[in-house]
C-alpha atoms as a PDB file:
ATOM      1  CA  UNK A   1     -13.556   1.928 -27.992  1.00  0.00           C
ATOM      2  CA  UNK A   2     -10.642  -0.481 -28.355  1.00  0.00           C
ATOM      3  CA  UNK A   3      -7.319  -0.785 -26.558  1.00  0.00           C
ATOM      4  CA  UNK A   4      -3.849  -0.351 -28.079  1.00  0.00           C
ATOM      5  CA  UNK A   5      -4.048  -3.868 -29.573  1.00  0.00           C
ATOM      6  CA  UNK A   6      -7.424  -3.270 -31.171  1.00  0.00           C
ATOM      7  CA  UNK A   7      -9.385  -5.329 -28.628  1.00  0.00           C
ATOM      8  CA  UNK A   8     -12.676  -4.379 -27.053  1.00  0.00           C
ATOM      9  CA  UNK A   9     -12.053  -3.709 -23.339  1.00  0.00           C
ATOM     10  CA  UNK A  10     -13.565  -6.230 -20.958  1.00  0.00           C
ATOM     11  CA  UNK A  11     -16.119  -4.898 -18.460  1.00  0.00           C
ATOM     12  CA  UNK A  12     -15.118  -4.348 -14.858  1.00  0.00           C
ATOM     13  CA  UNK A  13     -15.752  -7.107 -12.331  1.00  0.00           C
ATOM     14  CA  UNK A  14     -17.596  -6.795  -9.031  1.00  0.00           C
ATOM     15  CA  UNK A  15     -15.378  -7.523  -5.990  1.00  0.00           C
ATOM     16  CA  UNK A  16     -18.155  -9.612  -4.399  1.00  0.00           C
ATOM     17  CA  UNK A  17     -17.210 -11.098  -1.032  1.00  0.00           C
ATOM     18  CA  UNK A  18     -13.829  -9.601  -0.119  1.00  0.00           C
ATOM     19  CA  UNK A  19     -11.392 -10.953   2.453  1.00  0.00           C
ATOM     20  CA  UNK A  20      -9.173  -8.262   4.002  1.00  0.00           C
ATOM     21  CA  UNK A  21      -6.068  -9.959   5.378  1.00  0.00           C
ATOM     22  CA  UNK A  22      -4.797  -7.421   7.871  1.00  0.00           C
ATOM     23  CA  UNK A  23      -7.147  -4.521   8.469  1.00  0.00           C
ATOM     24  CA  UNK A  24      -5.332  -1.312   9.357  1.00  0.00           C
ATOM     25  CA  UNK A  25      -6.247   2.193   8.263  1.00  0.00           C
ATOM     26  CA  UNK A  26      -5.949   1.665   4.502  1.00  0.00           C
ATOM     27  CA  UNK A  27      -7.789  -1.664   4.466  1.00  0.00           C
ATOM     28  CA  UNK A  28     -10.501  -0.244   6.735  1.00  0.00           C
ATOM     29  CA  UNK A  29     -10.971   2.691   4.369  1.00  0.00           C
ATOM     30  CA  UNK A  30     -11.151   0.250   1.459  1.00  0.00           C
ATOM     31  CA  UNK A  31     -13.627  -1.931   3.343  1.00  0.00           C
ATOM     32  CA  UNK A  32     -15.910   1.052   3.900  1.00  0.00           C
ATOM     33  CA  UNK A  33     -15.866   1.719   0.131  1.00  0.00           C
ATOM     34  CA  UNK A  34     -16.745  -1.892  -0.644  1.00  0.00           C
ATOM     35  CA  UNK A  35     -19.476  -2.117   1.992  1.00  0.00           C
ATOM     36  CA  UNK A  36     -21.029   1.184   0.856  1.00  0.00           C
ATOM     37  CA  UNK A  37     -21.573  -0.385  -2.567  1.00  0.00           C
ATOM     38  CA  UNK A  38     -23.198  -3.495  -1.154  1.00  0.00           C
ATOM     39  CA  UNK A  39     -20.149  -5.730  -0.924  1.00  0.00           C
ATOM     40  CA  UNK A  40     -19.561  -8.172   1.905  1.00  0.00           C
ATOM     41  CA  UNK A  41     -16.343  -7.568   3.849  1.00  0.00           C
ATOM     42  CA  UNK A  42     -14.564 -10.187   5.960  1.00  0.00           C
ATOM     43  CA  UNK A  43     -11.472  -9.105   7.890  1.00  0.00           C
ATOM     44  CA  UNK A  44      -8.772 -11.377   9.298  1.00  0.00           C
ATOM     45  CA  UNK A  45      -6.938  -9.660  12.127  1.00  0.00           C
ATOM     46  CA  UNK A  46      -5.225 -10.620  15.379  1.00  0.00           C
ATOM     47  CA  UNK A  47      -7.800  -8.560  17.273  1.00  0.00           C
ATOM     48  CA  UNK A  48     -11.344  -7.983  16.054  1.00  0.00           C
ATOM     49  CA  UNK A  49     -12.672  -5.613  18.701  1.00  0.00           C
ATOM     50  CA  UNK A  50     -11.874  -2.398  16.826  1.00  0.00           C
ATOM     51  CA  UNK A  51     -13.319  -3.376  13.456  1.00  0.00           C
ATOM     52  CA  UNK A  52     -16.144  -1.208  12.088  1.00  0.00           C
ATOM     53  CA  UNK A  53     -19.738  -2.356  12.221  1.00  0.00           C
ATOM     54  CA  UNK A  54     -20.571  -4.222   9.055  1.00  0.00           C
ATOM     55  CA  UNK A  55     -17.206  -5.983   8.805  1.00  0.00           C
ATOM     56  CA  UNK A  56     -17.269  -9.682   9.639  1.00  0.00           C
ATOM     57  CA  UNK A  57     -14.286 -10.356  11.905  1.00  0.00           C
ATOM     58  CA  UNK A  58     -12.174 -13.494  11.854  1.00  0.00           C
ATOM     59  CA  UNK A  59      -9.702 -13.241  14.742  1.00  0.00           C
ATOM     60  CA  UNK A  60      -6.559 -15.207  13.997  1.00  0.00           C
ATOM     61  CA  UNK A  61      -2.770 -14.861  14.165  1.00  0.00           C
ATOM     62  CA  UNK A  62      -1.502 -15.727  10.701  1.00  0.00           C
ATOM     63  CA  UNK A  63       1.770 -16.987  12.123  1.00  0.00           C
ATOM     64  CA  UNK A  64      -0.228 -20.139  12.900  1.00  0.00           C
ATOM     65  CA  UNK A  65      -2.301 -22.395  10.624  1.00  0.00           C
ATOM     66  CA  UNK A  66      -6.049 -21.816  10.709  1.00  0.00           C
ATOM     67  CA  UNK A  67      -7.821 -24.286  13.000  1.00  0.00           C
ATOM     68  CA  UNK A  68     -10.739 -24.449  10.536  1.00  0.00           C
ATOM     69  CA  UNK A  69     -11.258 -23.549   6.915  1.00  0.00           C
ATOM     70  CA  UNK A  70     -11.988 -20.025   5.711  1.00  0.00           C
ATOM     71  CA  UNK A  71     -15.173 -19.181   3.814  1.00  0.00           C
ATOM     72  CA  UNK A  72     -15.117 -18.954   0.037  1.00  0.00           C
ATOM     73  CA  UNK A  73     -14.416 -15.404  -1.164  1.00  0.00           C
ATOM     74  CA  UNK A  74     -14.358 -13.700  -4.541  1.00  0.00           C
ATOM     75  CA  UNK A  75     -11.583 -11.220  -3.789  1.00  0.00           C
ATOM     76  CA  UNK A  76      -8.747 -10.863  -1.290  1.00  0.00           C
ATOM     77  CA  UNK A  77      -6.549  -7.941  -0.261  1.00  0.00           C
ATOM     78  CA  UNK A  78      -3.392  -8.616   1.758  1.00  0.00           C
ATOM     79  CA  UNK A  79      -1.999  -5.661   3.714  1.00  0.00           C
ATOM     80  CA  UNK A  80       0.291  -7.456   6.144  1.00  0.00           C
ATOM     81  CA  UNK A  81       3.498  -5.603   7.084  1.00  0.00           C
ATOM     82  CA  UNK A  82       6.874  -7.292   6.699  1.00  0.00           C
ATOM     83  CA  UNK A  83       8.568  -8.587   9.807  1.00  0.00           C
ATOM     84  CA  UNK A  84       5.308  -9.747  11.323  1.00  0.00           C
ATOM     85  CA  UNK A  85       6.187 -13.416  11.596  1.00  0.00           C
ATOM     86  CA  UNK A  86       6.669 -15.432  14.727  1.00  0.00           C
ATOM     87  CA  UNK A  87       9.299 -14.256  17.261  1.00  0.00           C
ATOM     88  CA  UNK A  88      12.728 -15.494  16.308  1.00  0.00           C
ATOM     89  CA  UNK A  89      11.884 -15.910  12.645  1.00  0.00           C
ATOM     90  CA  UNK A  90      14.497 -14.217  10.472  1.00  0.00           C
ATOM     91  CA  UNK A  91      15.057 -13.595   6.785  1.00  0.00           C
ATOM     92  CA  UNK A  92      12.278 -13.694   4.232  1.00  0.00           C
ATOM     93  CA  UNK A  93      10.190 -16.650   5.481  1.00  0.00           C
ATOM     94  CA  UNK A  94       7.514 -14.623   7.290  1.00  0.00           C
ATOM     95  CA  UNK A  95       5.340 -13.692   4.338  1.00  0.00           C
ATOM     96  CA  UNK A  96       5.519 -17.101   2.666  1.00  0.00           C
ATOM     97  CA  UNK A  97       4.527 -18.914   5.858  1.00  0.00           C
ATOM     98  CA  UNK A  98       1.580 -16.599   6.521  1.00  0.00           C
ATOM     99  CA  UNK A  99       0.358 -16.697   2.913  1.00  0.00           C
ATOM    100  CA  UNK A 100       0.720 -20.484   2.879  1.00  0.00           C
ATOM    101  CA  UNK A 101      -1.533 -20.668   5.936  1.00  0.00           C
ATOM    102  CA  UNK A 102      -4.085 -18.608   4.013  1.00  0.00           C
ATOM    103  CA  UNK A 103      -3.854 -20.789   0.919  1.00  0.00           C
ATOM    104  CA  UNK A 104      -4.323 -23.959   2.968  1.00  0.00           C
ATOM    105  CA  UNK A 105      -7.446 -22.564   4.668  1.00  0.00           C
ATOM    106  CA  UNK A 106      -9.242 -21.168   1.609  1.00  0.00           C
ATOM    107  CA  UNK A 107     -11.537 -23.600  -0.233  1.00  0.00           C
ATOM    108  CA  UNK A 108     -10.519 -22.062  -3.576  1.00  0.00           C
ATOM    109  CA  UNK A 109      -8.168 -19.388  -4.874  1.00  0.00           C
ATOM    110  CA  UNK A 110     -10.020 -16.038  -5.053  1.00  0.00           C
ATOM    111  CA  UNK A 111     -10.599 -14.774  -8.571  1.00  0.00           C
ATOM    112  CA  UNK A 112      -8.723 -11.579  -7.659  1.00  0.00           C
ATOM    113  CA  UNK A 113      -6.019 -11.037  -5.058  1.00  0.00           C
ATOM    114  CA  UNK A 114      -4.180  -7.785  -4.403  1.00  0.00           C
ATOM    115  CA  UNK A 115      -0.963  -7.927  -2.398  1.00  0.00           C
ATOM    116  CA  UNK A 116       0.016  -4.542  -0.974  1.00  0.00           C
ATOM    117  CA  UNK A 117       3.815  -4.463  -0.888  1.00  0.00           C
ATOM    118  CA  UNK A 118       6.012  -1.349  -0.733  1.00  0.00           C
ATOM    119  CA  UNK A 119       8.369   0.634  -2.917  1.00  0.00           C
ATOM    120  CA  UNK A 120      10.879  -0.353  -0.227  1.00  0.00           C
ATOM    121  CA  UNK A 121      11.750  -3.287  -2.510  1.00  0.00           C
ATOM    122  CA  UNK A 122      13.877  -0.781  -4.436  1.00  0.00           C
ATOM    123  CA  UNK A 123      17.261   0.005  -2.956  1.00  0.00           C
ATOM    124  CA  UNK A 124      18.915   1.713  -5.916  1.00  0.00           C
ATOM    125  CA  UNK A 125      19.944   5.156  -4.780  1.00  0.00           C
ATOM    126  CA  UNK A 126      19.861   8.244  -6.953  1.00  0.00           C
ATOM    127  CA  UNK A 127      18.044   6.380  -9.724  1.00  0.00           C
ATOM    128  CA  UNK A 128      14.849   7.316 -11.453  1.00  0.00           C
ATOM    129  CA  UNK A 129      12.267   7.729 -12.522  1.00  0.00           C
ATOM    130  CA  UNK A 130      11.673   4.033 -11.811  1.00  0.00           C
ATOM    131  CA  UNK A 131       8.578   2.506 -13.381  1.00  0.00           C
ATOM    132  CA  UNK A 132       6.912  -0.890 -13.049  1.00  0.00           C
ATOM    133  CA  UNK A 133       9.175  -2.495 -15.655  1.00  0.00           C
ATOM    134  CA  UNK A 134      12.240  -2.181 -13.395  1.00  0.00           C
ATOM    135  CA  UNK A 135      12.994  -5.345 -11.432  1.00  0.00           C
ATOM    136  CA  UNK A 136      13.977  -4.757  -7.784  1.00  0.00           C
ATOM    137  CA  UNK A 137      16.998  -6.545  -6.321  1.00  0.00           C
ATOM    138  CA  UNK A 138      16.879  -5.753  -2.596  1.00  0.00           C
ATOM    139  CA  UNK A 139      19.719  -6.706  -0.284  1.00  0.00           C
ATOM    140  CA  UNK A 140      18.350  -5.616   3.113  1.00  0.00           C
ATOM    141  CA  UNK A 141      16.333  -8.122   5.190  1.00  0.00           C
ATOM    142  CA  UNK A 142      13.199  -5.954   4.959  1.00  0.00           C
ATOM    143  CA  UNK A 143      13.511  -5.475   1.205  1.00  0.00           C
ATOM    144  CA  UNK A 144      14.132  -9.170   0.644  1.00  0.00           C
ATOM    145  CA  UNK A 145      11.104 -10.104   2.735  1.00  0.00           C
ATOM    146  CA  UNK A 146       8.903  -7.723   0.752  1.00  0.00           C
ATOM    147  CA  UNK A 147      10.164  -9.215  -2.495  1.00  0.00           C
ATOM    148  CA  UNK A 148       9.576 -12.744  -1.213  1.00  0.00           C
ATOM    149  CA  UNK A 149       6.056 -11.736  -0.215  1.00  0.00           C
ATOM    150  CA  UNK A 150       5.385 -10.544  -3.746  1.00  0.00           C
ATOM    151  CA  UNK A 151       6.666 -13.825  -5.175  1.00  0.00           C
ATOM    152  CA  UNK A 152       4.630 -15.925  -2.753  1.00  0.00           C
ATOM    153  CA  UNK A 153       1.453 -13.920  -3.439  1.00  0.00           C
ATOM    154  CA  UNK A 154       1.870 -14.428  -7.179  1.00  0.00           C
ATOM    155  CA  UNK A 155       2.671 -18.129  -6.882  1.00  0.00           C
ATOM    156  CA  UNK A 156      -0.135 -18.961  -4.452  1.00  0.00           C
ATOM    157  CA  UNK A 157      -2.876 -16.595  -5.611  1.00  0.00           C
ATOM    158  CA  UNK A 158      -1.868 -15.010  -8.948  1.00  0.00           C
ATOM    159  CA  UNK A 159      -1.876 -11.681  -7.102  1.00  0.00           C
ATOM    160  CA  UNK A 160      -1.621  -8.211  -8.562  1.00  0.00           C
ATOM    161  CA  UNK A 161       1.049  -6.233  -6.672  1.00  0.00           C
ATOM    162  CA  UNK A 162       0.489  -2.669  -5.449  1.00  0.00           C
ATOM    163  CA  UNK A 163       3.586  -0.880  -4.146  1.00  0.00           C
ATOM    164  CA  UNK A 164       2.813   2.311  -2.192  1.00  0.00           C
ATOM    165  CA  UNK A 165       5.437   4.828  -1.078  1.00  0.00           C
ATOM    166  CA  UNK A 166       5.340   7.123   1.926  1.00  0.00           C
ATOM    167  CA  UNK A 167       1.702   6.612   2.952  1.00  0.00           C
ATOM    168  CA  UNK A 168       0.308   9.580   4.861  1.00  0.00           C
ATOM    169  CA  UNK A 169      -3.094  10.785   6.020  1.00  0.00           C
ATOM    170  CA  UNK A 170      -5.103  11.031   9.255  1.00  0.00           C
ATOM    171  CA  UNK A 171      -3.191   9.083  11.878  1.00  0.00           C
ATOM    172  CA  UNK A 172      -0.126   8.842   9.630  1.00  0.00           C
ATOM    173  CA  UNK A 173       1.563  12.125  10.520  1.00  0.00           C
ATOM    174  CA  UNK A 174       5.212  11.206  10.987  1.00  0.00           C
ATOM    175  CA  UNK A 175       6.580  14.240   9.129  1.00  0.00           C
ATOM    176  CA  UNK A 176       4.217  16.596  10.937  1.00  0.00           C
ATOM    177  CA  UNK A 177       5.483  15.261  14.273  1.00  0.00           C
ATOM    178  CA  UNK A 178       9.087  15.691  13.121  1.00  0.00           C
ATOM    179  CA  UNK A 179       8.422  19.329  12.282  1.00  0.00           C
ATOM    180  CA  UNK A 180       6.613  19.980  15.565  1.00  0.00           C
ATOM    181  CA  UNK A 181       9.418  18.441  17.627  1.00  0.00           C
ATOM    182  CA  UNK A 182      12.244  20.053  15.671  1.00  0.00           C
ATOM    183  CA  UNK A 183      13.828  16.730  14.705  1.00  0.00           C
ATOM    184  CA  UNK A 184      16.677  16.741  12.206  1.00  0.00           C
ATOM    185  CA  UNK A 185      15.754  15.947   8.593  1.00  0.00           C
ATOM    186  CA  UNK A 186      17.851  14.909   5.580  1.00  0.00           C
ATOM    187  CA  UNK A 187      16.855  17.765   3.252  1.00  0.00           C
ATOM    188  CA  UNK A 188      18.504  16.274   0.157  1.00  0.00           C
ATOM    189  CA  UNK A 189      16.706  12.921   0.150  1.00  0.00           C
ATOM    190  CA  UNK A 190      14.477  12.285  -2.876  1.00  0.00           C
ATOM    191  CA  UNK A 191      11.078  10.963  -1.763  1.00  0.00           C
ATOM    192  CA  UNK A 192       7.719   9.752  -3.025  1.00  0.00           C
ATOM    193  CA  UNK A 193       4.389   9.487  -1.222  1.00  0.00           C
ATOM    194  CA  UNK A 194       0.700   8.666  -1.541  1.00  0.00           C
ATOM    195  CA  UNK A 195      -2.270   9.830   0.515  1.00  0.00           C
ATOM    196  CA  UNK A 196      -4.073   6.872   2.055  1.00  0.00           C
ATOM    197  CA  UNK A 197      -7.359   7.975   0.418  1.00  0.00           C
ATOM    198  CA  UNK A 198      -5.791   7.617  -3.039  1.00  0.00           C
ATOM    199  CA  UNK A 199      -4.146   4.336  -2.050  1.00  0.00           C
ATOM    200  CA  UNK A 200      -7.510   2.878  -1.007  1.00  0.00           C
ATOM    201  CA  UNK A 201      -8.989   4.065  -4.315  1.00  0.00           C
ATOM    202  CA  UNK A 202      -6.107   2.435  -6.200  1.00  0.00           C
ATOM    203  CA  UNK A 203      -6.600  -0.931  -4.490  1.00  0.00           C
ATOM    204  CA  UNK A 204     -10.332  -0.727  -5.116  1.00  0.00           C
ATOM    205  CA  UNK A 205      -9.684  -0.048  -8.801  1.00  0.00           C
ATOM    206  CA  UNK A 206      -7.296  -3.004  -9.113  1.00  0.00           C
ATOM    207  CA  UNK A 207      -9.956  -5.217  -7.514  1.00  0.00           C
ATOM    208  CA  UNK A 208     -12.473  -4.155 -10.144  1.00  0.00           C
ATOM    209  CA  UNK A 209     -10.422  -4.020 -13.340  1.00  0.00           C
ATOM    210  CA  UNK A 210     -10.990  -6.904 -15.748  1.00  0.00           C
ATOM    211  CA  UNK A 211      -7.279  -6.908 -16.597  1.00  0.00           C
ATOM    212  CA  UNK A 212      -5.303  -5.097 -13.900  1.00  0.00           C
ATOM    213  CA  UNK A 213      -1.584  -4.388 -14.225  1.00  0.00           C
ATOM    214  CA  UNK A 214       0.638  -7.054 -12.685  1.00  0.00           C
ATOM    215  CA  UNK A 215       2.468  -4.358 -10.690  1.00  0.00           C
ATOM    216  CA  UNK A 216       1.334  -0.843  -9.826  1.00  0.00           C
ATOM    217  CA  UNK A 217       3.382   1.871  -8.106  1.00  0.00           C
ATOM    218  CA  UNK A 218       1.042   3.825  -5.837  1.00  0.00           C
ATOM    219  CA  UNK A 219       2.763   7.210  -5.799  1.00  0.00           C
ATOM    220  CA  UNK A 220       1.433  10.699  -6.368  1.00  0.00           C
ATOM    221  CA  UNK A 221       2.368  13.023  -9.212  1.00  0.00           C
ATOM    222  CA  UNK A 222       4.954  15.018  -7.262  1.00  0.00           C
ATOM    223  CA  UNK A 223       8.143  13.303  -6.085  1.00  0.00           C
ATOM    224  CA  UNK A 224       9.983  15.829  -3.947  1.00  0.00           C
ATOM    225  CA  UNK A 225      13.051  16.443  -1.851  1.00  0.00           C
ATOM    226  CA  UNK A 226      12.289  15.721   1.783  1.00  0.00           C
ATOM    227  CA  UNK A 227      13.516  19.198   2.665  1.00  0.00           C
ATOM    228  CA  UNK A 228      10.872  20.775   0.433  1.00  0.00           C
ATOM    229  CA  UNK A 229       8.129  18.781   2.136  1.00  0.00           C
ATOM    230  CA  UNK A 230       9.123  19.578   5.723  1.00  0.00           C
ATOM    231  CA  UNK A 231       9.685  23.280   5.018  1.00  0.00           C
ATOM    232  CA  UNK A 232       6.209  23.431   3.464  1.00  0.00           C
ATOM    233  CA  UNK A 233       4.707  21.786   6.548  1.00  0.00           C
ATOM    234  CA  UNK A 234       6.642  24.123   8.845  1.00  0.00           C
ATOM    235  CA  UNK A 235       5.459  27.183   6.914  1.00  0.00           C
ATOM    236  CA  UNK A 236       1.853  25.975   7.071  1.00  0.00           C
ATOM    237  CA  UNK A 237       2.171  25.545  10.835  1.00  0.00           C
ATOM    238  CA  UNK A 238       4.096  28.765  11.366  1.00  0.00           C
ATOM    239  CA  UNK A 239       7.027  26.855  12.861  1.00  0.00           C
ATOM    240  CA  UNK A 240      10.800  27.064  12.271  1.00  0.00           C
ATOM    241  CA  UNK A 241      12.215  24.866   9.548  1.00  0.00           C
ATOM    242  CA  UNK A 242      13.649  21.633  11.000  1.00  0.00           C
ATOM    243  CA  UNK A 243      17.434  21.444  11.376  1.00  0.00           C
ATOM    244  CA  UNK A 244      19.381  19.627   8.675  1.00  0.00           C
ATOM    245  CA  UNK A 245      20.616  16.104   9.279  1.00  0.00           C
ATOM    246  CA  UNK A 246      23.665  14.696   7.483  1.00  0.00           C
ATOM    247  CA  UNK A 247      22.770  13.255   4.068  1.00  0.00           C
ATOM    248  CA  UNK A 248      22.606   9.451   4.182  1.00  0.00           C
ATOM    249  CA  UNK A 249      21.556   8.617   0.620  1.00  0.00           C
ATOM    250  CA  UNK A 250      19.963  10.298  -2.368  1.00  0.00           C
ATOM    251  CA  UNK A 251      16.711   8.360  -2.341  1.00  0.00           C
ATOM    252  CA  UNK A 252      14.820   7.384  -5.461  1.00  0.00           C
ATOM    253  CA  UNK A 253      12.216   8.839  -7.807  1.00  0.00           C
ATOM    254  CA  UNK A 254       9.312   6.615  -8.788  1.00  0.00           C
ATOM    255  CA  UNK A 255       7.161   6.983 -11.889  1.00  0.00           C
ATOM    256  CA  UNK A 256       3.440   7.202 -11.080  1.00  0.00           C
ATOM    257  CA  UNK A 257       2.069   7.527 -14.602  1.00  0.00           C
ATOM    258  CA  UNK A 258       0.574   4.034 -14.661  1.00  0.00           C
ATOM    259  CA  UNK A 259      -1.399   4.738 -11.487  1.00  0.00           C
ATOM    260  CA  UNK A 260      -2.873   7.893 -12.986  1.00  0.00           C
ATOM    261  CA  UNK A 261      -3.721   6.087 -16.219  1.00  0.00           C
ATOM    262  CA  UNK A 262      -5.831   3.487 -14.376  1.00  0.00           C
ATOM    263  CA  UNK A 263      -7.198   5.691 -11.585  1.00  0.00           C
ATOM    264  CA  UNK A 264      -7.560   9.068 -13.235  1.00  0.00           C
ATOM    265  CA  UNK A 265      -6.982  12.274 -11.295  1.00  0.00           C
ATOM    266  CA  UNK A 266      -5.772  11.766  -7.749  1.00  0.00           C
ATOM    267  CA  UNK A 267      -7.678  13.354  -4.905  1.00  0.00           C
ATOM    268  CA  UNK A 268      -4.309  14.476  -3.499  1.00  0.00           C
ATOM    269  CA  UNK A 269      -1.928  14.726  -6.476  1.00  0.00           C
ATOM    270  CA  UNK A 270       0.887  16.388  -4.510  1.00  0.00           C
ATOM    271  CA  UNK A 271       2.109  16.831  -0.952  1.00  0.00           C
ATOM    272  CA  UNK A 272       0.954  20.455  -0.762  1.00  0.00           C
ATOM    273  CA  UNK A 273      -2.690  19.580  -1.271  1.00  0.00           C
ATOM    274  CA  UNK A 274      -2.428  16.502   0.918  1.00  0.00           C
ATOM    275  CA  UNK A 275      -0.772  18.167   3.878  1.00  0.00           C
ATOM    276  CA  UNK A 276      -3.029  21.226   3.691  1.00  0.00           C
ATOM    277  CA  UNK A 277      -5.970  18.877   3.996  1.00  0.00           C
ATOM    278  CA  UNK A 278      -4.297  16.948   6.796  1.00  0.00           C
ATOM    279  CA  UNK A 279      -3.583  20.154   8.704  1.00  0.00           C
ATOM    280  CA  UNK A 280      -7.199  21.269   8.387  1.00  0.00           C
ATOM    281  CA  UNK A 281      -6.617  23.733   5.559  1.00  0.00           C
ATOM    282  CA  UNK A 282      -7.751  23.921   1.943  1.00  0.00           C
ATOM    283  CA  UNK A 283      -5.867  25.000  -1.230  1.00  0.00           C
END
């Protein structure tokens, strides 16, 4: 089989020793996948006490340079949130400083780096569907920091960028809590989301692909109005629909076709299947 340019596809790579920079729920889920297949997982986190057995913990605050060098690794996944720099730091310097500390401590650039950003880099309202060819031009401090993080990750490590939207799953139940508490919701906002199980699979796939896409939008196959999502959750729970909040902006629709072309069928292709699973139900 050949690709669109008539070339034989290159075989997948093995992630090998993988450094997880930041190790929250998604990275932990990814680490379990890698370890289950015999990979070695090293996690850099401010606190190492809660890391699963089998993960090698390196406890360090990335706001500061590493006191000693890091071990050589084959792959690296960065899942640091924006705004995590030192107190008083403003603007978009946080990511670049933290990634520079990483680069200075590593003995060599990993052969594959994945930087997990966010679709929050897009601030166009009412536009869509937006695919990976569209260049974001954020104006908010958070959006600008995300964009600067993407640039720094590419410049320092040649990173592939994964941009998830609306991550949900066990422990990520913001909309469920809103429905349970009767909080107001902007019903007209256009939204996108991804279940954390599919996000972990997507990152794992980008780690393994011989030629991964430079940018990948991690979104499911069903962008939806926020009102449709919360009324579905309320109906599943047998609760009243949340009250309507004033509309703030239209939101954005993101194109997830590239994700499905590299990952195949999603485990949770739409919010109905995902939230039924989250609420302990099945389709």
